[in-house]
N, C-alpha and C. Protein backbone atom coordinates (compact mmCIF):
# COMPACT_ATOMS: atom_id res chain seq x y z
N MET A 1 18.06 4.71 25.68
CA MET A 1 18.87 3.21 25.27
C MET A 1 20.05 3.60 24.96
N ALA A 2 20.83 2.55 25.52
CA ALA A 2 22.17 2.72 25.47
C ALA A 2 22.93 1.30 25.28
N PHE A 3 23.77 1.13 24.19
CA PHE A 3 24.52 -0.10 24.15
C PHE A 3 26.08 0.52 23.99
N CYS A 4 26.93 -0.59 24.75
CA CYS A 4 28.67 -0.46 24.95
C CYS A 4 28.80 -1.59 24.63
N GLU A 5 29.74 -1.95 23.31
CA GLU A 5 30.45 -3.01 23.17
C GLU A 5 31.76 -2.94 23.33
N VAL A 6 32.00 -4.16 24.32
CA VAL A 6 33.55 -4.16 24.83
C VAL A 6 34.32 -5.45 24.17
N GLU A 7 35.11 -5.84 23.79
CA GLU A 7 35.81 -7.09 23.46
C GLU A 7 36.97 -7.36 24.15
N SER A 8 37.02 -8.26 24.79
CA SER A 8 38.46 -8.47 25.56
C SER A 8 38.79 -7.06 26.49
N LEU A 9 38.20 -6.54 27.41
CA LEU A 9 38.06 -5.40 27.99
C LEU A 9 38.95 -4.20 27.16
N ARG A 10 38.05 -4.39 25.99
CA ARG A 10 39.04 -3.29 25.10
C ARG A 10 37.56 -2.66 24.15
N PHE A 11 37.37 -1.30 24.67
CA PHE A 11 36.17 -0.46 24.08
C PHE A 11 36.27 -0.63 22.52
N ILE A 12 34.80 -0.88 21.75
CA ILE A 12 34.68 -1.33 20.55
C ILE A 12 33.73 0.13 20.02
N ARG A 13 32.54 0.41 21.03
CA ARG A 13 31.71 1.42 20.58
C ARG A 13 30.36 1.73 21.62
N ILE A 14 29.98 2.87 21.39
CA ILE A 14 28.92 2.88 22.10
C ILE A 14 27.80 3.62 21.52
N PHE A 15 26.66 3.69 21.91
CA PHE A 15 25.63 3.95 21.24
C PHE A 15 24.48 4.64 22.49
N VAL A 16 24.05 5.94 22.07
CA VAL A 16 23.41 6.86 23.50
C VAL A 16 22.14 7.24 22.66
N ALA A 17 20.67 7.15 23.26
CA ALA A 17 19.54 7.89 22.84
C ALA A 17 18.82 7.61 23.95
N TYR A 18 18.39 9.08 24.51
CA TYR A 18 17.62 9.05 25.92
C TYR A 18 16.26 8.49 25.33
N THR A 19 15.59 8.33 25.84
CA THR A 19 13.73 7.79 25.68
C THR A 19 13.27 9.29 25.38
N ALA A 20 13.30 10.32 26.29
CA ALA A 20 12.85 11.72 26.08
C ALA A 20 13.07 12.16 24.79
N ASN A 21 14.11 11.94 24.55
CA ASN A 21 14.38 12.56 23.16
C ASN A 21 14.23 11.62 21.87
N MET A 22 14.03 10.42 22.28
CA MET A 22 13.21 9.43 20.85
C MET A 22 11.69 10.04 20.83
N ASN A 23 11.25 10.27 21.96
CA ASN A 23 9.97 10.76 21.86
C ASN A 23 9.65 12.20 21.69
N GLY A 24 10.50 13.16 21.83
CA GLY A 24 10.74 14.34 21.28
C GLY A 24 10.73 14.42 20.10
N PHE A 25 11.25 13.64 19.35
CA PHE A 25 11.67 13.56 17.99
C PHE A 25 10.43 12.93 17.26
N LYS A 26 9.71 11.99 17.97
CA LYS A 26 8.80 11.21 16.97
C LYS A 26 7.26 12.38 17.12
N LEU A 27 7.26 13.25 18.33
CA LEU A 27 5.92 14.21 18.61
C LEU A 27 6.15 15.89 18.15
N ARG A 28 7.51 15.94 17.86
CA ARG A 28 7.59 17.51 17.75
C ARG A 28 8.74 17.94 17.08
N CYS A 29 9.19 17.22 16.56
CA CYS A 29 10.45 17.48 15.31
C CYS A 29 10.06 17.37 14.29
N ARG A 30 10.81 17.95 13.05
CA ARG A 30 10.31 17.70 11.46
C ARG A 30 11.26 16.26 11.18
N LYS A 31 10.71 15.58 10.33
CA LYS A 31 10.92 14.18 10.15
C LYS A 31 12.26 14.56 9.38
N ILE A 32 13.55 14.96 9.66
CA ILE A 32 14.69 15.02 9.16
C ILE A 32 15.53 14.50 10.10
N LEU A 33 16.68 13.78 10.02
CA LEU A 33 17.73 13.48 10.64
C LEU A 33 18.89 14.03 9.96
N PHE A 34 19.81 14.94 10.86
CA PHE A 34 20.87 15.17 10.20
C PHE A 34 22.15 14.58 10.81
N VAL A 35 22.99 13.79 10.17
CA VAL A 35 24.13 12.70 10.60
C VAL A 35 25.11 13.37 9.92
N ASP A 36 26.22 13.14 10.84
CA ASP A 36 27.46 13.48 10.72
C ASP A 36 28.28 12.95 11.65
N GLY A 37 29.69 13.12 11.41
CA GLY A 37 30.93 12.15 12.04
C GLY A 37 31.66 13.24 12.42
N CYS A 38 32.57 13.19 13.58
CA CYS A 38 33.63 14.11 13.96
C CYS A 38 34.58 13.32 14.68
N HIS A 39 35.87 13.48 14.29
CA HIS A 39 37.09 12.57 14.55
C HIS A 39 37.44 13.37 16.15
N LEU A 40 37.91 12.43 16.90
CA LEU A 40 37.78 12.94 18.41
C LEU A 40 39.71 12.82 18.18
N SER A 41 40.12 13.96 18.83
CA SER A 41 41.76 14.02 19.31
C SER A 41 41.71 13.88 20.92
N GLY A 42 43.27 13.74 20.96
CA GLY A 42 43.74 13.84 22.58
C GLY A 42 44.00 12.24 22.56
N PRO A 43 43.60 11.64 23.94
CA PRO A 43 44.35 10.31 24.48
C PRO A 43 43.17 9.21 23.70
N TYR A 44 42.19 9.77 23.45
CA TYR A 44 41.32 9.02 23.07
C TYR A 44 40.85 8.81 21.62
N LYS A 45 40.99 7.91 20.71
CA LYS A 45 40.94 8.41 19.54
C LYS A 45 39.72 7.66 19.17
N GLY A 46 39.04 7.93 17.62
CA GLY A 46 37.66 7.38 17.08
C GLY A 46 36.99 8.60 16.66
N THR A 47 35.52 8.51 16.50
CA THR A 47 35.13 9.25 15.83
C THR A 47 33.61 9.31 16.53
N LEU A 48 33.23 10.48 16.52
CA LEU A 48 31.63 10.62 17.36
C LEU A 48 30.89 10.95 16.13
N LEU A 49 29.60 9.87 16.33
CA LEU A 49 28.64 9.98 15.17
C LEU A 49 27.71 10.61 15.85
N ALA A 50 26.60 11.57 15.04
CA ALA A 50 25.45 12.13 15.86
C ALA A 50 24.47 12.40 14.89
N ALA A 51 23.35 12.17 15.36
CA ALA A 51 22.02 12.38 14.74
C ALA A 51 21.47 13.64 15.36
N CYS A 52 20.78 14.51 14.76
CA CYS A 52 20.30 15.48 15.32
C CYS A 52 19.06 16.23 14.39
N ALA A 53 18.02 16.86 14.96
CA ALA A 53 16.95 17.32 14.11
C ALA A 53 16.67 18.77 14.51
N LEU A 54 15.46 19.25 13.81
CA LEU A 54 15.38 20.59 14.16
C LEU A 54 13.45 20.29 14.87
N ASP A 55 13.59 21.25 15.91
CA ASP A 55 12.15 21.18 16.48
C ASP A 55 11.49 21.65 15.90
N VAL A 56 10.14 22.12 16.30
CA VAL A 56 9.30 23.15 15.67
C VAL A 56 9.44 24.40 15.63
N ASP A 57 10.35 24.83 16.59
CA ASP A 57 10.91 26.25 16.64
C ASP A 57 12.17 26.24 16.13
N ASN A 58 12.64 25.60 15.02
CA ASN A 58 14.14 25.36 14.74
C ASN A 58 15.04 25.48 15.19
N HIS A 59 14.89 25.13 16.50
CA HIS A 59 15.93 24.49 17.57
C HIS A 59 16.57 23.19 17.35
N LEU A 60 17.96 23.20 17.44
CA LEU A 60 18.58 22.13 17.28
C LEU A 60 18.06 21.07 18.26
N PHE A 61 18.24 19.64 17.90
CA PHE A 61 17.23 18.90 18.94
C PHE A 61 18.19 17.82 18.74
N ASN A 62 18.89 16.93 20.00
CA ASN A 62 19.97 15.86 19.94
C ASN A 62 19.01 14.77 19.93
N PHE A 63 19.28 13.84 19.03
CA PHE A 63 18.52 12.81 19.05
C PHE A 63 19.37 11.32 19.56
N ALA A 64 20.44 11.20 18.98
CA ALA A 64 21.33 10.28 19.11
C ALA A 64 22.84 10.15 18.95
N HIS A 65 23.53 10.08 19.68
CA HIS A 65 25.32 9.65 19.50
C HIS A 65 25.96 8.52 19.87
N GLY A 66 27.06 8.47 18.98
CA GLY A 66 27.81 6.91 19.28
C GLY A 66 29.18 7.41 18.99
N ILE A 67 29.97 6.62 19.78
CA ILE A 67 31.38 6.78 19.47
C ILE A 67 31.82 5.51 18.86
N VAL A 68 32.50 5.32 18.00
CA VAL A 68 32.71 4.04 16.90
C VAL A 68 34.53 4.54 17.04
N CYS A 69 34.93 3.36 16.03
CA CYS A 69 36.42 3.64 15.52
C CYS A 69 36.57 4.58 14.40
N GLY A 70 35.71 4.76 13.48
CA GLY A 70 35.91 5.34 12.48
C GLY A 70 35.09 5.70 11.49
N GLU A 71 34.86 6.37 10.93
CA GLU A 71 33.55 6.86 9.34
C GLU A 71 33.90 6.11 8.41
N ILE A 72 33.44 4.50 8.76
CA ILE A 72 33.72 3.62 7.70
C ILE A 72 32.45 2.82 7.93
N ILE A 73 32.19 2.00 6.74
CA ILE A 73 30.96 1.37 6.52
C ILE A 73 30.14 0.73 7.41
N LYS A 74 31.02 0.02 8.14
CA LYS A 74 30.63 -1.20 9.11
C LYS A 74 30.06 -0.12 10.46
N ASP A 75 30.84 0.83 10.91
CA ASP A 75 30.25 1.46 12.02
C ASP A 75 29.00 2.53 11.44
N TRP A 76 28.96 3.05 10.30
CA TRP A 76 27.82 3.72 10.17
C TRP A 76 26.53 3.04 9.66
N ILE A 77 26.88 1.50 9.24
CA ILE A 77 25.68 0.75 9.23
C ILE A 77 25.10 0.65 10.80
N TRP A 78 25.94 0.21 11.53
CA TRP A 78 25.40 -0.24 13.02
C TRP A 78 24.76 1.10 13.60
N PHE A 79 25.39 2.05 13.40
CA PHE A 79 24.72 3.40 13.88
C PHE A 79 23.21 3.54 13.13
N LEU A 80 23.32 3.66 11.95
CA LEU A 80 21.99 4.32 11.52
C LEU A 80 20.96 2.76 11.53
N GLN A 81 21.58 1.63 11.58
CA GLN A 81 20.40 0.66 12.07
C GLN A 81 19.77 0.91 13.46
N THR A 82 20.67 1.38 14.65
CA THR A 82 20.33 1.26 15.85
C THR A 82 19.20 2.56 15.74
N VAL A 83 19.87 3.66 14.96
CA VAL A 83 18.75 4.48 15.10
C VAL A 83 17.34 4.46 14.51
N MET A 84 17.35 3.72 13.46
CA MET A 84 16.17 3.21 12.70
C MET A 84 15.57 2.34 13.84
N GLU A 85 15.99 1.58 14.92
CA GLU A 85 15.60 0.85 15.84
C GLU A 85 14.81 1.52 16.91
N CYS A 86 15.32 2.77 16.93
CA CYS A 86 14.93 3.53 18.17
C CYS A 86 13.80 4.25 17.62
N LEU A 87 13.32 4.56 16.33
CA LEU A 87 12.34 5.25 15.54
C LEU A 87 11.24 4.38 15.31
N GLY A 88 11.45 2.94 16.12
CA GLY A 88 10.25 2.23 15.45
C GLY A 88 9.47 2.11 14.16
N GLY A 89 10.00 1.95 13.18
CA GLY A 89 9.30 2.09 11.86
C GLY A 89 9.26 3.64 11.29
N LEU A 90 9.17 4.64 11.90
CA LEU A 90 9.23 5.91 11.44
C LEU A 90 10.70 6.32 10.64
N LYS A 91 10.59 6.68 9.18
CA LYS A 91 11.63 6.43 8.40
C LYS A 91 11.71 8.08 8.07
N PRO A 92 12.66 8.93 8.55
CA PRO A 92 12.76 10.37 8.29
C PRO A 92 13.96 10.52 7.23
N ALA A 93 13.77 11.69 6.45
CA ALA A 93 14.85 12.09 5.46
C ALA A 93 15.96 11.73 6.28
N ILE A 94 17.27 11.51 5.59
CA ILE A 94 18.91 11.52 6.17
C ILE A 94 19.34 12.78 5.76
N MET A 95 19.79 13.69 6.22
CA MET A 95 20.62 14.68 5.53
C MET A 95 21.98 14.59 5.94
N SER A 96 22.61 14.45 5.09
CA SER A 96 24.34 14.38 5.21
C SER A 96 25.32 15.29 4.64
N ASP A 97 26.56 15.34 4.67
CA ASP A 97 27.42 15.87 3.69
C ASP A 97 27.70 14.62 3.07
N LYS A 98 28.83 14.49 1.96
CA LYS A 98 28.72 13.25 0.78
C LYS A 98 29.85 12.70 1.45
N ASN A 99 30.05 12.09 2.44
CA ASN A 99 31.05 11.09 3.01
C ASN A 99 30.68 9.87 2.08
N PRO A 100 31.37 8.98 1.29
CA PRO A 100 31.27 8.18 0.47
C PRO A 100 30.28 6.91 1.43
N ALA A 101 30.97 6.86 2.56
CA ALA A 101 30.69 5.76 3.53
C ALA A 101 29.35 5.78 3.86
N LEU A 102 28.89 7.12 4.19
CA LEU A 102 27.92 7.49 4.73
C LEU A 102 26.49 7.53 3.68
N LEU A 103 27.01 7.84 2.33
CA LEU A 103 25.76 7.77 1.27
C LEU A 103 25.51 6.23 0.88
N ALA A 104 26.44 5.38 0.94
CA ALA A 104 26.28 4.38 0.60
C ALA A 104 25.16 3.54 1.87
N VAL A 105 25.32 3.69 3.04
CA VAL A 105 25.01 3.01 4.28
C VAL A 105 23.23 3.83 4.45
N VAL A 106 23.39 4.98 3.95
CA VAL A 106 21.92 5.63 4.03
C VAL A 106 21.22 4.68 3.16
N ALA A 107 21.97 4.77 1.74
CA ALA A 107 20.93 3.93 0.72
C ALA A 107 20.77 2.67 1.08
N GLN A 108 21.44 1.94 1.72
CA GLN A 108 21.19 0.32 1.84
C GLN A 108 20.41 0.54 3.30
N VAL A 109 20.45 1.28 4.27
CA VAL A 109 19.57 0.92 5.70
C VAL A 109 18.50 1.82 5.50
N CYS A 110 18.29 2.64 4.61
CA CYS A 110 16.94 3.61 4.95
C CYS A 110 16.51 3.51 3.40
N GLY A 111 16.99 3.47 2.23
CA GLY A 111 16.67 3.59 0.90
C GLY A 111 17.10 5.14 0.37
N LYS A 112 17.49 4.96 -0.89
CA LYS A 112 18.00 6.14 -1.65
C LYS A 112 17.23 7.26 -1.30
N GLU A 113 15.58 7.08 -1.40
CA GLU A 113 14.80 8.00 -1.52
C GLU A 113 14.68 8.74 -0.35
N TYR A 114 15.38 8.41 0.69
CA TYR A 114 15.51 9.13 1.63
C TYR A 114 16.67 9.92 2.18
N ARG A 115 17.78 9.75 1.12
CA ARG A 115 18.66 10.59 1.56
C ARG A 115 18.84 11.70 0.71
N MET A 116 19.29 13.11 1.46
CA MET A 116 19.31 14.44 1.11
C MET A 116 20.73 14.72 1.51
N TYR A 117 21.34 16.18 0.56
CA TYR A 117 22.28 16.69 0.99
C TYR A 117 22.52 17.88 1.65
N CYS A 118 23.27 18.33 2.40
CA CYS A 118 23.37 19.44 3.28
C CYS A 118 23.62 20.63 2.28
N LEU A 119 22.92 21.26 1.95
CA LEU A 119 23.28 22.74 1.03
C LEU A 119 24.55 23.39 1.20
N CYS A 120 24.99 23.48 2.60
CA CYS A 120 26.43 24.15 2.94
C CYS A 120 27.38 23.43 2.40
N HIS A 121 27.36 21.95 2.53
CA HIS A 121 28.46 21.09 2.08
C HIS A 121 28.66 21.18 0.54
N LEU A 122 27.16 21.01 -0.07
CA LEU A 122 27.45 21.52 -1.58
C LEU A 122 27.70 22.83 -2.28
N THR A 123 27.61 23.75 -1.45
CA THR A 123 27.98 25.01 -1.73
C THR A 123 29.79 25.05 -1.69
N GLU A 124 30.38 24.69 -0.64
CA GLU A 124 31.71 24.21 -0.43
C GLU A 124 32.08 23.91 -1.34
N ASN A 125 31.78 22.34 -1.61
CA ASN A 125 32.33 21.99 -2.94
C ASN A 125 32.24 22.24 -3.82
N PHE A 126 30.84 22.66 -4.27
CA PHE A 126 30.87 23.45 -5.97
C PHE A 126 32.09 24.76 -5.84
N LEU A 127 32.06 25.57 -4.75
CA LEU A 127 32.79 26.79 -4.67
C LEU A 127 34.52 26.42 -4.90
N LYS A 128 34.85 24.86 -4.18
CA LYS A 128 36.04 24.61 -4.59
C LYS A 128 36.48 24.30 -5.94
N GLU A 129 35.35 23.64 -6.66
CA GLU A 129 35.38 23.06 -8.11
C GLU A 129 35.51 24.26 -8.81
N ALA A 130 34.51 25.44 -8.43
CA ALA A 130 34.64 26.45 -9.19
C ALA A 130 35.90 27.35 -9.21
N ALA A 131 36.55 27.28 -8.02
CA ALA A 131 38.15 27.76 -8.26
C ALA A 131 38.94 27.25 -8.86
N LYS A 132 38.72 25.95 -9.04
CA LYS A 132 39.80 25.31 -10.13
C LYS A 132 39.62 25.76 -11.53
N TYR A 133 38.64 26.75 -12.12
CA TYR A 133 38.56 27.07 -13.02
C TYR A 133 38.64 29.06 -13.39
N GLY A 134 39.03 29.22 -11.76
CA GLY A 134 39.39 30.65 -11.71
C GLY A 134 38.24 31.49 -11.25
N ILE A 135 36.65 30.98 -10.73
CA ILE A 135 35.70 31.44 -10.84
C ILE A 135 35.65 31.81 -9.23
N ARG A 136 35.37 32.72 -8.46
CA ARG A 136 35.80 32.97 -7.16
C ARG A 136 34.03 33.40 -6.63
N LYS A 137 32.98 33.45 -7.20
CA LYS A 137 31.95 33.71 -6.72
C LYS A 137 30.47 32.65 -6.58
N GLU A 138 29.84 33.01 -6.11
CA GLU A 138 28.59 31.80 -5.81
C GLU A 138 27.79 31.75 -7.01
N VAL A 139 27.44 30.71 -7.50
CA VAL A 139 27.00 30.65 -8.79
C VAL A 139 25.47 30.39 -8.32
N THR A 140 24.08 31.10 -9.02
CA THR A 140 22.82 30.73 -8.50
C THR A 140 22.07 29.95 -9.58
N ASN A 141 20.81 29.46 -9.56
CA ASN A 141 20.28 28.98 -10.22
C ASN A 141 19.98 29.78 -11.42
N GLN A 142 19.70 31.12 -11.65
CA GLN A 142 19.39 32.00 -12.45
C GLN A 142 20.57 31.89 -13.61
N ILE A 143 21.88 31.87 -12.97
CA ILE A 143 23.11 32.05 -14.00
C ILE A 143 23.55 30.63 -14.45
N MET A 144 22.80 29.23 -14.24
CA MET A 144 23.57 28.50 -14.39
C MET A 144 23.47 28.09 -16.04
N LYS A 145 22.75 28.50 -16.68
CA LYS A 145 22.74 28.85 -18.22
C LYS A 145 24.27 29.37 -18.49
N GLU A 146 24.30 30.49 -18.30
CA GLU A 146 25.51 30.90 -18.33
C GLU A 146 26.64 30.34 -17.95
N LEU A 147 26.60 29.75 -16.85
CA LEU A 147 27.50 28.54 -16.30
C LEU A 147 28.22 27.55 -17.24
N ARG A 148 26.89 27.10 -18.00
CA ARG A 148 27.17 25.88 -18.83
C ARG A 148 27.87 26.57 -20.29
N CYS A 149 27.43 27.30 -20.62
CA CYS A 149 28.15 28.32 -21.90
C CYS A 149 29.51 28.23 -21.58
N TYR A 150 29.96 29.27 -20.08
CA TYR A 150 31.24 29.52 -19.76
C TYR A 150 32.17 28.22 -19.73
N LYS A 151 31.59 27.31 -18.88
CA LYS A 151 32.68 25.81 -18.63
C LYS A 151 31.64 24.91 -18.40
N SER A 152 31.42 24.18 -19.46
CA SER A 152 30.35 22.67 -19.42
C SER A 152 30.60 21.95 -18.23
N GLU A 153 32.22 21.92 -17.99
CA GLU A 153 32.25 21.19 -16.85
C GLU A 153 31.79 21.21 -15.24
N LEU A 154 31.90 22.55 -15.26
CA LEU A 154 30.82 23.09 -14.01
C LEU A 154 29.52 22.71 -13.71
N GLY A 155 28.58 23.01 -15.33
CA GLY A 155 27.36 22.54 -15.49
C GLY A 155 27.20 21.03 -15.19
N ALA A 156 28.05 20.28 -15.67
CA ALA A 156 27.95 18.86 -15.41
C ALA A 156 28.17 18.23 -14.10
N TRP A 157 29.18 19.12 -13.31
CA TRP A 157 29.29 19.03 -12.01
C TRP A 157 27.95 18.95 -11.09
N VAL A 158 27.23 20.07 -11.66
CA VAL A 158 26.01 20.57 -10.60
C VAL A 158 24.93 19.47 -11.01
N ASP A 159 25.07 18.87 -12.48
CA ASP A 159 23.80 17.97 -12.71
C ASP A 159 24.13 16.72 -12.20
N ASP A 160 25.88 16.41 -12.06
CA ASP A 160 25.94 15.00 -11.40
C ASP A 160 25.52 14.82 -10.06
N ASN A 161 25.56 15.86 -9.45
CA ASN A 161 24.95 15.59 -7.96
C ASN A 161 23.92 15.27 -7.35
N VAL A 162 22.99 15.00 -8.12
CA VAL A 162 21.79 14.53 -7.77
C VAL A 162 20.88 15.76 -7.30
N ARG A 163 20.46 16.67 -8.27
CA ARG A 163 19.67 17.64 -7.28
C ARG A 163 18.53 17.38 -6.67
N GLU A 164 17.91 16.45 -7.37
CA GLU A 164 16.75 16.03 -6.54
C GLU A 164 16.83 15.64 -4.85
N GLN A 165 18.06 15.25 -4.63
CA GLN A 165 18.47 14.94 -3.33
C GLN A 165 18.47 16.45 -2.37
N TRP A 166 18.71 17.40 -2.92
CA TRP A 166 18.92 18.77 -2.51
C TRP A 166 18.17 19.89 -2.79
N VAL A 167 17.49 19.73 -3.71
CA VAL A 167 15.88 20.79 -3.93
C VAL A 167 14.79 20.61 -3.47
N VAL A 168 14.81 21.69 -2.51
CA VAL A 168 13.40 21.34 -1.68
C VAL A 168 12.23 20.61 -2.52
N SER A 169 11.74 21.48 -3.62
CA SER A 169 10.87 21.17 -4.60
C SER A 169 10.68 19.62 -5.10
N LYS A 170 11.85 19.18 -5.47
CA LYS A 170 11.85 17.90 -6.10
C LYS A 170 12.00 16.96 -5.08
N PHE A 171 12.21 17.01 -3.52
CA PHE A 171 12.69 15.82 -2.71
C PHE A 171 11.18 14.99 -2.40
N ARG A 172 11.08 14.14 -2.67
CA ARG A 172 9.67 13.21 -2.58
C ARG A 172 9.05 13.05 -1.62
N LYS A 173 9.96 12.75 -0.57
CA LYS A 173 9.47 12.36 0.90
C LYS A 173 9.31 13.59 2.21
N GLU A 174 8.31 13.34 2.84
CA GLU A 174 7.83 14.34 3.67
C GLU A 174 9.04 14.66 4.89
N ARG A 175 8.98 15.77 5.20
CA ARG A 175 9.86 16.41 5.86
C ARG A 175 9.34 17.50 6.94
């Protein structure tokens, strides 16, 4: 399936998802889509949006990709709605970074309960926040109590980042 939108001979956006990849996802992949955007450089500007999965052997499996103007709400809605059309009613969990436009769109298109966060991005963001307070080591669940005693702001930051979206035991949807 491919869509290319052009307006007055000017490229607007494109979406590509091969039938083999759509069938492969439905039959042989975990029901999680990893979505992210990457800004394009060079003479052609825009953003490459991608939806990938993991197959049963934990290999990366490309599901769909698109090129749009930017990581804006309008383009994310279009991309995720088109992905959902390709899935024909199947609703996988959607894993992403915490891009504000993407978070809003996943909740709108798929439902907030299908949204989850990438642990790598959460760790990066947490360590940046911790560095503001002079803490330069990773903090694990075992020392969260110490963290709250030491700097309650950091404990609050962890609590405010919706742990049920990134803790496997708390995530309610099938993956």
